[in-house]
C-alpha cells in the first residue's frame, strides 16, 4: 500500500525532536564532562594552581548544553516541518510504501529471519 505524507504538525515535530536532541546532548555532555574532569585533575598535579575555575566547566556543561541544544533543535525542526508542509503542498509530499504485518500474540517470541 502506498501512502503520502502531506502534512506534519509543526509543534509536535519540534517538541519530540527537541527532546531527542536534548537527550543526546545530555549523554554527550556527561562524557565530555568526565574527560574534562580528568584533564583538570591532571592540571592540578602538573603544578597549575589556577585549575579550580575549570572544575565547574563539566557540571555547567551537563546543565547548559542540553538546554541550548534542545532550544536550537526545537527552532530548527519547527522551521523544517513548516517548510516541508509548504513544499508538500506543491509536490504532493513523500510517498511511503507500507506492508501489513501479522500481529504477534502477547506471549509469543518473534524471531528475525
N, C-alpha and C. Protein backbone atom coordinates (compact mmCIF):
# COMPACT_ATOMS: atom_id res chain seq x y z
N UNK A 1 0.83 -1.17 0.00
CA UNK A 1 0.00 0.00 0.00
C UNK A 1 0.88 1.24 0.00
N UNK A 2 0.55 2.18 -0.79
CA UNK A 2 1.27 3.44 -0.83
C UNK A 2 0.46 4.51 -0.12
N UNK A 3 1.12 5.28 0.70
CA UNK A 3 0.51 6.41 1.39
C UNK A 3 1.39 7.62 1.18
N UNK A 4 0.80 8.77 1.26
CA UNK A 4 1.53 10.00 1.06
C UNK A 4 1.47 10.85 2.33
N UNK A 5 2.63 11.30 2.80
CA UNK A 5 2.69 12.19 3.95
C UNK A 5 2.58 13.60 3.41
N UNK A 6 1.45 14.25 3.70
CA UNK A 6 1.21 15.58 3.15
C UNK A 6 1.38 16.69 4.17
N UNK A 7 1.38 16.35 5.46
CA UNK A 7 1.44 17.40 6.47
C UNK A 7 2.01 16.85 7.77
N UNK A 8 2.87 17.62 8.41
CA UNK A 8 3.36 17.34 9.76
C UNK A 8 2.87 18.44 10.68
N UNK A 9 2.47 18.08 11.88
CA UNK A 9 2.14 19.09 12.88
C UNK A 9 3.45 19.69 13.37
N UNK A 10 3.65 20.96 13.12
CA UNK A 10 4.93 21.62 13.39
C UNK A 10 5.31 21.54 14.86
N UNK A 11 4.37 21.80 15.75
CA UNK A 11 4.66 21.80 17.18
C UNK A 11 5.04 20.40 17.68
N UNK A 12 4.37 19.36 17.19
CA UNK A 12 4.70 18.01 17.66
C UNK A 12 6.06 17.55 17.14
N UNK A 13 6.38 17.88 15.89
CA UNK A 13 7.69 17.52 15.34
C UNK A 13 8.79 18.25 16.11
N UNK A 14 8.60 19.54 16.35
CA UNK A 14 9.61 20.33 17.05
C UNK A 14 9.77 19.86 18.50
N UNK A 15 8.68 19.52 19.16
CA UNK A 15 8.74 19.10 20.56
C UNK A 15 9.47 17.77 20.73
N UNK A 16 9.07 16.77 19.95
CA UNK A 16 9.70 15.46 20.11
C UNK A 16 11.15 15.51 19.64
N UNK A 17 11.42 16.24 18.60
CA UNK A 17 12.79 16.37 18.13
C UNK A 17 13.67 17.07 19.14
N UNK A 18 13.16 18.12 19.78
CA UNK A 18 13.94 18.85 20.78
C UNK A 18 14.25 17.95 21.97
N UNK A 19 13.31 17.13 22.38
CA UNK A 19 13.56 16.21 23.50
C UNK A 19 14.61 15.16 23.13
N UNK A 20 14.54 14.65 21.92
CA UNK A 20 15.53 13.66 21.48
C UNK A 20 16.92 14.30 21.41
N UNK A 21 17.01 15.47 20.81
CA UNK A 21 18.29 16.15 20.70
C UNK A 21 18.85 16.52 22.07
N UNK A 22 17.99 16.98 22.99
CA UNK A 22 18.45 17.33 24.33
C UNK A 22 18.94 16.08 25.07
N UNK A 23 18.28 14.94 24.87
CA UNK A 23 18.72 13.69 25.49
C UNK A 23 20.08 13.25 24.98
N UNK A 24 20.29 13.35 23.68
CA UNK A 24 21.59 13.01 23.10
C UNK A 24 22.66 13.98 23.61
N UNK A 25 22.31 15.25 23.68
CA UNK A 25 23.27 16.26 24.17
C UNK A 25 23.61 16.01 25.63
N UNK A 26 22.67 15.54 26.41
CA UNK A 26 22.94 15.22 27.82
C UNK A 26 23.96 14.10 27.93
N UNK A 27 23.79 13.05 27.15
CA UNK A 27 24.73 11.93 27.18
C UNK A 27 26.12 12.41 26.75
N UNK A 28 26.19 13.18 25.68
CA UNK A 28 27.48 13.69 25.22
C UNK A 28 28.11 14.63 26.23
N UNK A 29 27.30 15.46 26.89
CA UNK A 29 27.82 16.39 27.89
C UNK A 29 28.40 15.64 29.09
N UNK A 30 27.77 14.54 29.47
CA UNK A 30 28.29 13.74 30.58
C UNK A 30 29.64 13.14 30.21
N UNK A 31 29.75 12.62 29.01
CA UNK A 31 31.02 12.03 28.56
C UNK A 31 32.12 13.10 28.51
N UNK A 32 31.82 14.24 27.91
CA UNK A 32 32.80 15.32 27.82
C UNK A 32 33.15 15.84 29.21
N UNK A 33 32.19 15.89 30.11
CA UNK A 33 32.43 16.34 31.48
C UNK A 33 33.40 15.40 32.20
N UNK A 34 33.24 14.12 31.99
CA UNK A 34 34.15 13.16 32.61
C UNK A 34 35.58 13.35 32.11
N UNK A 35 35.72 13.54 30.80
CA UNK A 35 37.06 13.75 30.24
C UNK A 35 37.65 15.08 30.71
N UNK A 36 36.84 16.12 30.78
CA UNK A 36 37.36 17.41 31.24
C UNK A 36 37.76 17.35 32.72
N UNK A 37 37.05 16.54 33.50
CA UNK A 37 37.43 16.37 34.91
C UNK A 37 38.81 15.71 35.02
N UNK A 38 39.08 14.76 34.15
CA UNK A 38 40.39 14.13 34.15
C UNK A 38 41.49 15.13 33.77
N UNK A 39 41.19 15.99 32.82
CA UNK A 39 42.17 17.00 32.41
C UNK A 39 42.44 17.98 33.53
N UNK A 40 41.39 18.44 34.20
CA UNK A 40 41.55 19.39 35.30
C UNK A 40 42.32 18.75 36.45
N UNK A 41 42.05 17.49 36.72
CA UNK A 41 42.79 16.80 37.77
C UNK A 41 44.27 16.71 37.41
N UNK A 42 44.55 16.49 36.14
CA UNK A 42 45.94 16.46 35.69
C UNK A 42 46.61 17.81 35.78
N UNK A 43 45.84 18.88 35.57
CA UNK A 43 46.40 20.23 35.66
C UNK A 43 46.87 20.52 37.09
N UNK A 44 46.11 20.05 38.06
CA UNK A 44 46.50 20.27 39.45
C UNK A 44 47.77 19.54 39.81
N UNK A 45 47.96 18.36 39.24
CA UNK A 45 49.16 17.57 39.53
C UNK A 45 50.38 18.10 38.77
N UNK A 46 50.15 18.89 37.74
CA UNK A 46 51.27 19.42 36.97
C UNK A 46 51.73 20.78 37.50
N UNK A 47 51.23 21.18 38.66
CA UNK A 47 51.69 22.42 39.26
C UNK A 47 50.95 23.65 38.78
N UNK A 48 49.74 23.49 38.27
CA UNK A 48 48.94 24.63 37.84
C UNK A 48 47.91 24.92 38.93
N UNK A 49 48.19 25.88 39.82
CA UNK A 49 47.30 26.13 40.95
C UNK A 49 45.98 26.78 40.55
N UNK A 50 45.87 27.36 39.37
CA UNK A 50 44.65 28.05 38.96
C UNK A 50 43.70 27.13 38.20
N UNK A 51 43.73 25.85 38.46
CA UNK A 51 42.87 24.90 37.75
C UNK A 51 41.46 24.85 38.33
N UNK A 52 41.25 25.42 39.53
CA UNK A 52 39.95 25.30 40.19
C UNK A 52 38.78 25.85 39.37
N UNK A 53 38.88 27.03 38.72
CA UNK A 53 37.72 27.52 37.95
C UNK A 53 37.30 26.56 36.84
N UNK A 54 38.25 25.81 36.32
CA UNK A 54 37.92 24.86 35.24
C UNK A 54 37.13 23.65 35.75
N UNK A 55 37.13 23.44 37.05
CA UNK A 55 36.39 22.31 37.62
C UNK A 55 34.89 22.48 37.44
N UNK A 56 34.41 23.71 37.28
CA UNK A 56 32.97 23.97 37.14
C UNK A 56 32.49 23.81 35.70
N UNK A 57 33.41 23.68 34.75
CA UNK A 57 33.02 23.55 33.35
C UNK A 57 32.19 22.29 33.13
N UNK A 58 32.60 21.18 33.69
CA UNK A 58 31.88 19.91 33.49
C UNK A 58 30.45 19.94 33.99
N UNK A 59 30.22 20.27 35.27
CA UNK A 59 28.84 20.32 35.76
C UNK A 59 27.98 21.36 35.04
N UNK A 60 28.56 22.50 34.71
CA UNK A 60 27.78 23.50 33.97
C UNK A 60 27.42 23.00 32.58
N UNK A 61 28.34 22.27 31.96
CA UNK A 61 28.08 21.75 30.63
C UNK A 61 26.92 20.75 30.64
N UNK A 62 26.84 19.95 31.71
CA UNK A 62 25.76 18.95 31.81
C UNK A 62 24.40 19.63 31.88
N UNK A 63 24.33 20.82 32.42
CA UNK A 63 23.06 21.54 32.54
C UNK A 63 22.80 22.42 31.32
N UNK A 64 23.78 23.20 30.93
CA UNK A 64 23.57 24.22 29.90
C UNK A 64 23.51 23.64 28.49
N UNK A 65 24.41 22.71 28.17
CA UNK A 65 24.49 22.18 26.80
C UNK A 65 23.18 21.54 26.34
N UNK A 66 22.55 20.64 27.11
CA UNK A 66 21.29 20.06 26.65
C UNK A 66 20.16 21.08 26.50
N UNK A 67 20.14 22.09 27.37
CA UNK A 67 19.08 23.10 27.28
C UNK A 67 19.23 23.90 25.98
N UNK A 68 20.42 24.41 25.71
CA UNK A 68 20.62 25.18 24.49
C UNK A 68 20.46 24.32 23.25
N UNK A 69 20.93 23.10 23.30
CA UNK A 69 20.80 22.20 22.15
C UNK A 69 19.33 21.88 21.89
N UNK A 70 18.56 21.67 22.96
CA UNK A 70 17.13 21.41 22.81
C UNK A 70 16.39 22.60 22.23
N UNK A 71 16.73 23.81 22.69
CA UNK A 71 16.09 25.02 22.16
C UNK A 71 16.43 25.20 20.68
N UNK A 72 17.70 25.03 20.34
CA UNK A 72 18.11 25.15 18.95
C UNK A 72 17.40 24.12 18.08
N UNK A 73 17.31 22.87 18.55
CA UNK A 73 16.65 21.81 17.79
C UNK A 73 15.17 22.12 17.62
N UNK A 74 14.53 22.66 18.65
CA UNK A 74 13.10 23.00 18.56
C UNK A 74 12.87 24.01 17.44
N UNK A 75 13.66 25.07 17.43
CA UNK A 75 13.50 26.11 16.42
C UNK A 75 13.81 25.55 15.03
N UNK A 76 14.91 24.82 14.91
CA UNK A 76 15.31 24.28 13.60
C UNK A 76 14.27 23.30 13.07
N UNK A 77 13.78 22.41 13.91
CA UNK A 77 12.81 21.42 13.44
C UNK A 77 11.45 22.04 13.15
N UNK A 78 11.09 23.10 13.86
CA UNK A 78 9.85 23.81 13.55
C UNK A 78 9.94 24.43 12.16
N UNK A 79 11.09 25.03 11.85
CA UNK A 79 11.28 25.61 10.52
C UNK A 79 11.27 24.52 9.46
N UNK A 80 11.94 23.40 9.71
CA UNK A 80 11.99 22.31 8.74
C UNK A 80 10.60 21.72 8.49
N UNK A 81 9.82 21.51 9.57
CA UNK A 81 8.48 20.96 9.40
C UNK A 81 7.57 21.93 8.64
N UNK A 82 7.70 23.22 8.94
CA UNK A 82 6.88 24.22 8.22
C UNK A 82 7.26 24.26 6.74
N UNK A 83 8.55 24.19 6.45
CA UNK A 83 8.98 24.16 5.05
C UNK A 83 8.52 22.90 4.35
N UNK A 84 8.55 21.75 5.06
CA UNK A 84 8.05 20.51 4.46
C UNK A 84 6.58 20.66 4.10
N UNK A 85 5.79 21.21 5.03
CA UNK A 85 4.36 21.38 4.76
C UNK A 85 4.13 22.28 3.54
N UNK A 86 4.94 23.32 3.41
CA UNK A 86 4.82 24.21 2.26
C UNK A 86 5.16 23.48 0.97
N UNK A 87 6.30 22.79 0.96
CA UNK A 87 6.74 22.10 -0.25
C UNK A 87 5.86 20.89 -0.57
N UNK A 88 5.33 20.22 0.45
CA UNK A 88 4.45 19.08 0.21
C UNK A 88 3.16 19.53 -0.46
N UNK A 89 2.74 20.76 -0.18
CA UNK A 89 1.56 21.29 -0.87
C UNK A 89 1.81 21.47 -2.35
N UNK A 90 3.03 21.75 -2.72
CA UNK A 90 3.38 21.94 -4.13
C UNK A 90 3.66 20.63 -4.83
N UNK A 91 4.34 19.70 -4.13
CA UNK A 91 4.82 18.48 -4.80
C UNK A 91 4.00 17.25 -4.47
N UNK A 92 3.15 17.31 -3.47
CA UNK A 92 2.35 16.16 -3.08
C UNK A 92 2.88 15.43 -1.86
N UNK A 93 4.08 15.71 -1.41
CA UNK A 93 4.61 15.09 -0.20
C UNK A 93 5.40 13.83 -0.48
N UNK A 94 5.86 13.21 0.60
CA UNK A 94 6.63 11.97 0.49
C UNK A 94 5.71 10.79 0.24
N UNK A 95 6.14 9.89 -0.60
CA UNK A 95 5.41 8.66 -0.85
C UNK A 95 6.04 7.56 -0.02
N UNK A 96 5.21 6.89 0.78
CA UNK A 96 5.68 5.83 1.67
C UNK A 96 4.94 4.55 1.32
N UNK A 97 5.67 3.45 1.21
CA UNK A 97 5.05 2.16 0.95
C UNK A 97 5.01 1.39 2.26
N UNK A 98 3.83 0.98 2.68
CA UNK A 98 3.64 0.25 3.92
C UNK A 98 3.21 -1.18 3.60
N UNK A 99 3.66 -2.10 4.44
CA UNK A 99 3.31 -3.50 4.28
C UNK A 99 2.66 -3.98 5.56
N UNK A 100 1.54 -4.67 5.44
CA UNK A 100 0.83 -5.18 6.61
C UNK A 100 1.60 -6.37 7.18
N UNK A 101 1.75 -6.39 8.48
CA UNK A 101 2.43 -7.48 9.19
C UNK A 101 1.40 -8.18 10.08
N UNK A 102 1.45 -9.51 10.15
CA UNK A 102 0.55 -10.18 11.09
C UNK A 102 0.98 -9.85 12.52
N UNK A 103 0.00 -9.56 13.34
CA UNK A 103 0.34 -9.21 14.73
C UNK A 103 0.67 -10.47 15.53
N UNK A 104 1.65 -10.35 16.40
CA UNK A 104 2.07 -11.47 17.23
C UNK A 104 1.21 -11.50 18.50
N UNK A 105 0.94 -12.70 18.98
CA UNK A 105 0.20 -12.81 20.25
C UNK A 105 1.07 -12.34 21.38
N UNK A 106 0.50 -11.84 22.48
CA UNK A 106 1.31 -11.24 23.56
C UNK A 106 2.36 -12.16 24.16
N UNK A 107 2.15 -13.45 24.23
CA UNK A 107 3.11 -14.36 24.87
C UNK A 107 4.10 -15.00 23.94
N UNK A 108 3.99 -14.76 22.63
CA UNK A 108 4.87 -15.44 21.69
C UNK A 108 6.17 -14.69 21.51
N UNK A 109 7.19 -15.44 21.10
CA UNK A 109 8.50 -14.86 20.83
C UNK A 109 8.64 -14.72 19.33
N UNK A 110 9.02 -13.52 18.88
CA UNK A 110 9.19 -13.29 17.47
C UNK A 110 10.65 -13.43 17.11
N UNK A 111 10.95 -14.17 16.04
CA UNK A 111 12.33 -14.33 15.61
C UNK A 111 12.53 -13.57 14.31
N UNK A 112 13.73 -13.09 14.13
CA UNK A 112 14.06 -12.39 12.90
C UNK A 112 14.48 -13.39 11.84
N UNK A 113 14.14 -13.11 10.58
CA UNK A 113 14.53 -14.05 9.51
C UNK A 113 15.99 -14.07 9.27
